[in-house]
């Protein structure tokens, strides 16, 4: 698990204050702050008509998304799909501690990698912290 810096702790406390949902999973992907909360609390965290999300976005000044946290390795496909949405991919294969994302076409691969592989680095850190696997995009 990654160490939490003060800014991340502030974000987690803001989520708890506004939504009354506790989590320890907060990360940045593609200039968006993503909170991974237990599946049962996603609707509560988002709020009616996304009121809680809008309120947090106003206070933080960044885009905010809430997704369901991964229950285990078998949930990796949905978890990664939620993070990289709206970019799609064909599928995920896990073999020998390497999580391989099959992008499907060059446009999706380019979108998953990002300029100077910035999105790849962000996703690689998320996958490493969540599942303990290395990331590979083909």
C-alpha atoms as a PDB file:
ATOM      1  CA  UNK A   1       0.000   0.000   0.000  1.00  0.00           C
ATOM      2  CA  UNK A   2       1.223   3.475  -0.843  1.00  0.00           C
ATOM      3  CA  UNK A   3       1.997   5.967   1.856  1.00  0.00           C
ATOM      4  CA  UNK A   4      -0.502   8.770   2.139  1.00  0.00           C
ATOM      5  CA  UNK A   5       0.717  12.337   1.848  1.00  0.00           C
ATOM      6  CA  UNK A   6      -0.979  15.259   3.584  1.00  0.00           C
ATOM      7  CA  UNK A   7      -2.872  16.356   0.464  1.00  0.00           C
ATOM      8  CA  UNK A   8      -4.359  12.880  -0.018  1.00  0.00           C
ATOM      9  CA  UNK A   9      -5.392  12.776   3.641  1.00  0.00           C
ATOM     10  CA  UNK A  10      -7.125  16.144   3.182  1.00  0.00           C
ATOM     11  CA  UNK A  11      -9.006  14.782   0.167  1.00  0.00           C
ATOM     12  CA  UNK A  12     -10.068  11.675   2.116  1.00  0.00           C
ATOM     13  CA  UNK A  13     -11.241  13.816   5.042  1.00  0.00           C
ATOM     14  CA  UNK A  14     -13.238  16.038   2.683  1.00  0.00           C
ATOM     15  CA  UNK A  15     -14.924  12.973   1.180  1.00  0.00           C
ATOM     16  CA  UNK A  16     -15.802  11.759   4.688  1.00  0.00           C
ATOM     17  CA  UNK A  17     -17.074  15.193   5.750  1.00  0.00           C
ATOM     18  CA  UNK A  18     -19.307  15.685   2.704  1.00  0.00           C
ATOM     19  CA  UNK A  19     -20.530  12.124   2.052  1.00  0.00           C
ATOM     20  CA  UNK A  20     -20.029  10.333   5.394  1.00  0.00           C
ATOM     21  CA  UNK A  21     -18.294   7.514   3.509  1.00  0.00           C
ATOM     22  CA  UNK A  22     -14.882   6.369   4.724  1.00  0.00           C
ATOM     23  CA  UNK A  23     -12.209   5.047   2.375  1.00  0.00           C
ATOM     24  CA  UNK A  24      -8.441   4.950   2.153  1.00  0.00           C
ATOM     25  CA  UNK A  25      -8.246   4.696  -1.626  1.00  0.00           C
ATOM     26  CA  UNK A  26      -7.709   7.971  -3.422  1.00  0.00           C
ATOM     27  CA  UNK A  27      -5.594   8.490  -6.526  1.00  0.00           C
ATOM     28  CA  UNK A  28      -5.143  10.755  -9.520  1.00  0.00           C
ATOM     29  CA  UNK A  29      -5.605   9.571 -13.091  1.00  0.00           C
ATOM     30  CA  UNK A  30      -5.764  11.878 -16.118  1.00  0.00           C
ATOM     31  CA  UNK A  31      -6.071  15.038 -13.964  1.00  0.00           C
ATOM     32  CA  UNK A  32      -9.088  13.550 -12.177  1.00  0.00           C
ATOM     33  CA  UNK A  33      -9.247  12.718  -8.491  1.00  0.00           C
ATOM     34  CA  UNK A  34     -10.708   9.219  -8.115  1.00  0.00           C
ATOM     35  CA  UNK A  35     -12.059   7.800  -4.865  1.00  0.00           C
ATOM     36  CA  UNK A  36     -12.549   4.031  -4.625  1.00  0.00           C
ATOM     37  CA  UNK A  37     -15.242   3.300  -2.037  1.00  0.00           C
ATOM     38  CA  UNK A  38     -16.962   0.053  -1.018  1.00  0.00           C
ATOM     39  CA  UNK A  39     -19.555  -0.973  -3.603  1.00  0.00           C
ATOM     40  CA  UNK A  40     -22.455  -0.564  -1.167  1.00  0.00           C
ATOM     41  CA  UNK A  41     -21.580   3.113  -0.569  1.00  0.00           C
ATOM     42  CA  UNK A  42     -21.041   4.357  -4.139  1.00  0.00           C
ATOM     43  CA  UNK A  43     -24.543   5.851  -4.440  1.00  0.00           C
ATOM     44  CA  UNK A  44     -24.221   7.537  -1.045  1.00  0.00           C
ATOM     45  CA  UNK A  45     -20.826   8.991  -2.000  1.00  0.00           C
ATOM     46  CA  UNK A  46     -22.142  10.362  -5.308  1.00  0.00           C
ATOM     47  CA  UNK A  47     -25.297  11.778  -3.744  1.00  0.00           C
ATOM     48  CA  UNK A  48     -28.648  12.720  -5.293  1.00  0.00           C
ATOM     49  CA  UNK A  49     -28.129  14.191  -8.766  1.00  0.00           C
ATOM     50  CA  UNK A  50     -24.328  13.996  -8.112  1.00  0.00           C
ATOM     51  CA  UNK A  51     -24.660  16.753  -5.507  1.00  0.00           C
ATOM     52  CA  UNK A  52     -21.740  15.495  -3.393  1.00  0.00           C
ATOM     53  CA  UNK A  53     -19.458  15.197  -6.421  1.00  0.00           C
ATOM     54  CA  UNK A  54     -20.272  18.733  -7.561  1.00  0.00           C
ATOM     55  CA  UNK A  55     -19.680  20.100  -4.073  1.00  0.00           C
ATOM     56  CA  UNK A  56     -16.274  18.396  -3.800  1.00  0.00           C
ATOM     57  CA  UNK A  57     -15.272  19.594  -7.282  1.00  0.00           C
ATOM     58  CA  UNK A  58     -16.055  23.170  -6.301  1.00  0.00           C
ATOM     59  CA  UNK A  59     -13.974  22.941  -3.109  1.00  0.00           C
ATOM     60  CA  UNK A  60     -11.022  21.050  -4.610  1.00  0.00           C
ATOM     61  CA  UNK A  61     -10.959  22.678  -8.029  1.00  0.00           C
ATOM     62  CA  UNK A  62     -10.439  19.336  -9.814  1.00  0.00           C
ATOM     63  CA  UNK A  63     -12.670  16.795 -11.496  1.00  0.00           C
ATOM     64  CA  UNK A  64     -13.800  14.116  -9.026  1.00  0.00           C
ATOM     65  CA  UNK A  65     -15.047  10.585  -9.703  1.00  0.00           C
ATOM     66  CA  UNK A  66     -16.230   7.870  -7.335  1.00  0.00           C
ATOM     67  CA  UNK A  67     -15.875   4.197  -8.286  1.00  0.00           C
ATOM     68  CA  UNK A  68     -16.408   0.897  -6.506  1.00  0.00           C
ATOM     69  CA  UNK A  69     -13.214  -0.486  -5.037  1.00  0.00           C
ATOM     70  CA  UNK A  70     -11.907  -3.849  -6.176  1.00  0.00           C
ATOM     71  CA  UNK A  71     -13.009  -6.810  -4.075  1.00  0.00           C
ATOM     72  CA  UNK A  72     -10.114  -8.952  -5.309  1.00  0.00           C
ATOM     73  CA  UNK A  73      -8.070  -9.933  -8.345  1.00  0.00           C
ATOM     74  CA  UNK A  74     -11.176 -11.302 -10.073  1.00  0.00           C
ATOM     75  CA  UNK A  75     -12.582  -7.753  -9.990  1.00  0.00           C
ATOM     76  CA  UNK A  76      -9.554  -6.251 -11.809  1.00  0.00           C
ATOM     77  CA  UNK A  77     -11.275  -5.958 -15.192  1.00  0.00           C
ATOM     78  CA  UNK A  78     -14.151  -3.834 -13.868  1.00  0.00           C
ATOM     79  CA  UNK A  79     -11.859  -1.773 -11.619  1.00  0.00           C
ATOM     80  CA  UNK A  80      -9.420  -0.831 -14.405  1.00  0.00           C
ATOM     81  CA  UNK A  81     -12.325  -0.211 -16.783  1.00  0.00           C
ATOM     82  CA  UNK A  82     -13.881   2.220 -14.295  1.00  0.00           C
ATOM     83  CA  UNK A  83     -10.589   4.081 -13.920  1.00  0.00           C
ATOM     84  CA  UNK A  84      -9.794   4.499 -17.633  1.00  0.00           C
ATOM     85  CA  UNK A  85     -13.401   5.190 -18.675  1.00  0.00           C
ATOM     86  CA  UNK A  86     -14.405   6.382 -21.294  1.00  0.00           C
ATOM     87  CA  UNK A  87     -11.383   4.752 -22.980  1.00  0.00           C
ATOM     88  CA  UNK A  88     -12.129   1.114 -23.669  1.00  0.00           C
ATOM     89  CA  UNK A  89     -10.026  -2.004 -24.025  1.00  0.00           C
ATOM     90  CA  UNK A  90     -10.558  -5.605 -25.102  1.00  0.00           C
ATOM     91  CA  UNK A  91      -9.635  -7.364 -21.901  1.00  0.00           C
ATOM     92  CA  UNK A  92      -7.220  -8.058 -19.080  1.00  0.00           C
ATOM     93  CA  UNK A  93      -5.010 -11.089 -18.529  1.00  0.00           C
ATOM     94  CA  UNK A  94      -3.124 -11.754 -15.291  1.00  0.00           C
ATOM     95  CA  UNK A  95      -0.119 -14.038 -15.590  1.00  0.00           C
ATOM     96  CA  UNK A  96       2.921 -14.325 -13.287  1.00  0.00           C
ATOM     97  CA  UNK A  97       2.248 -11.100 -11.358  1.00  0.00           C
ATOM     98  CA  UNK A  98       1.818  -9.064 -14.554  1.00  0.00           C
ATOM     99  CA  UNK A  99      -1.526  -7.480 -15.383  1.00  0.00           C
ATOM    100  CA  UNK A 100      -1.693  -7.162 -19.177  1.00  0.00           C
ATOM    101  CA  UNK A 101      -4.251  -4.821 -20.712  1.00  0.00           C
ATOM    102  CA  UNK A 102      -5.150  -5.617 -24.326  1.00  0.00           C
ATOM    103  CA  UNK A 103      -5.987  -2.210 -25.802  1.00  0.00           C
ATOM    104  CA  UNK A 104      -7.482  -3.642 -28.985  1.00  0.00           C
ATOM    105  CA  UNK A 105      -6.445  -0.892 -31.391  1.00  0.00           C
ATOM    106  CA  UNK A 106      -3.782   1.786 -31.661  1.00  0.00           C
ATOM    107  CA  UNK A 107      -6.126   4.634 -30.715  1.00  0.00           C
ATOM    108  CA  UNK A 108      -7.072   2.966 -27.417  1.00  0.00           C
ATOM    109  CA  UNK A 109      -3.432   2.089 -26.759  1.00  0.00           C
ATOM    110  CA  UNK A 110      -2.362   5.683 -27.348  1.00  0.00           C
ATOM    111  CA  UNK A 111      -5.106   6.892 -25.024  1.00  0.00           C
ATOM    112  CA  UNK A 112      -4.088   4.420 -22.311  1.00  0.00           C
ATOM    113  CA  UNK A 113      -0.423   5.403 -22.584  1.00  0.00           C
ATOM    114  CA  UNK A 114      -0.968   9.161 -22.755  1.00  0.00           C
ATOM    115  CA  UNK A 115       1.553  11.801 -23.737  1.00  0.00           C
ATOM    116  CA  UNK A 116       5.034  10.873 -22.491  1.00  0.00           C
ATOM    117  CA  UNK A 117       3.423   7.765 -20.924  1.00  0.00           C
ATOM    118  CA  UNK A 118       1.934   9.864 -18.106  1.00  0.00           C
ATOM    119  CA  UNK A 119      -1.361   7.948 -17.962  1.00  0.00           C
ATOM    120  CA  UNK A 120       0.543   4.671 -18.078  1.00  0.00           C
ATOM    121  CA  UNK A 121       2.660   5.740 -15.089  1.00  0.00           C
ATOM    122  CA  UNK A 122      -0.451   6.773 -13.131  1.00  0.00           C
ATOM    123  CA  UNK A 123      -2.290   3.533 -13.939  1.00  0.00           C
ATOM    124  CA  UNK A 124       0.816   1.476 -13.185  1.00  0.00           C
ATOM    125  CA  UNK A 125       1.012   3.009  -9.699  1.00  0.00           C
ATOM    126  CA  UNK A 126      -2.702   2.355  -9.084  1.00  0.00           C
ATOM    127  CA  UNK A 127      -2.445  -1.295 -10.199  1.00  0.00           C
ATOM    128  CA  UNK A 128       0.697  -1.819  -8.104  1.00  0.00           C
ATOM    129  CA  UNK A 129      -0.942  -0.342  -4.977  1.00  0.00           C
ATOM    130  CA  UNK A 130      -4.262  -2.150  -5.448  1.00  0.00           C
ATOM    131  CA  UNK A 131      -3.238  -5.595  -6.681  1.00  0.00           C
ATOM    132  CA  UNK A 132       0.556  -5.736  -6.322  1.00  0.00           C
ATOM    133  CA  UNK A 133       1.027  -6.504 -10.035  1.00  0.00           C
ATOM    134  CA  UNK A 134       3.190  -4.952 -12.722  1.00  0.00           C
ATOM    135  CA  UNK A 135       1.305  -3.354 -15.634  1.00  0.00           C
ATOM    136  CA  UNK A 136       1.755  -3.987 -19.338  1.00  0.00           C
ATOM    137  CA  UNK A 137      -0.310  -2.532 -22.187  1.00  0.00           C
ATOM    138  CA  UNK A 138      -0.365  -4.284 -25.574  1.00  0.00           C
END
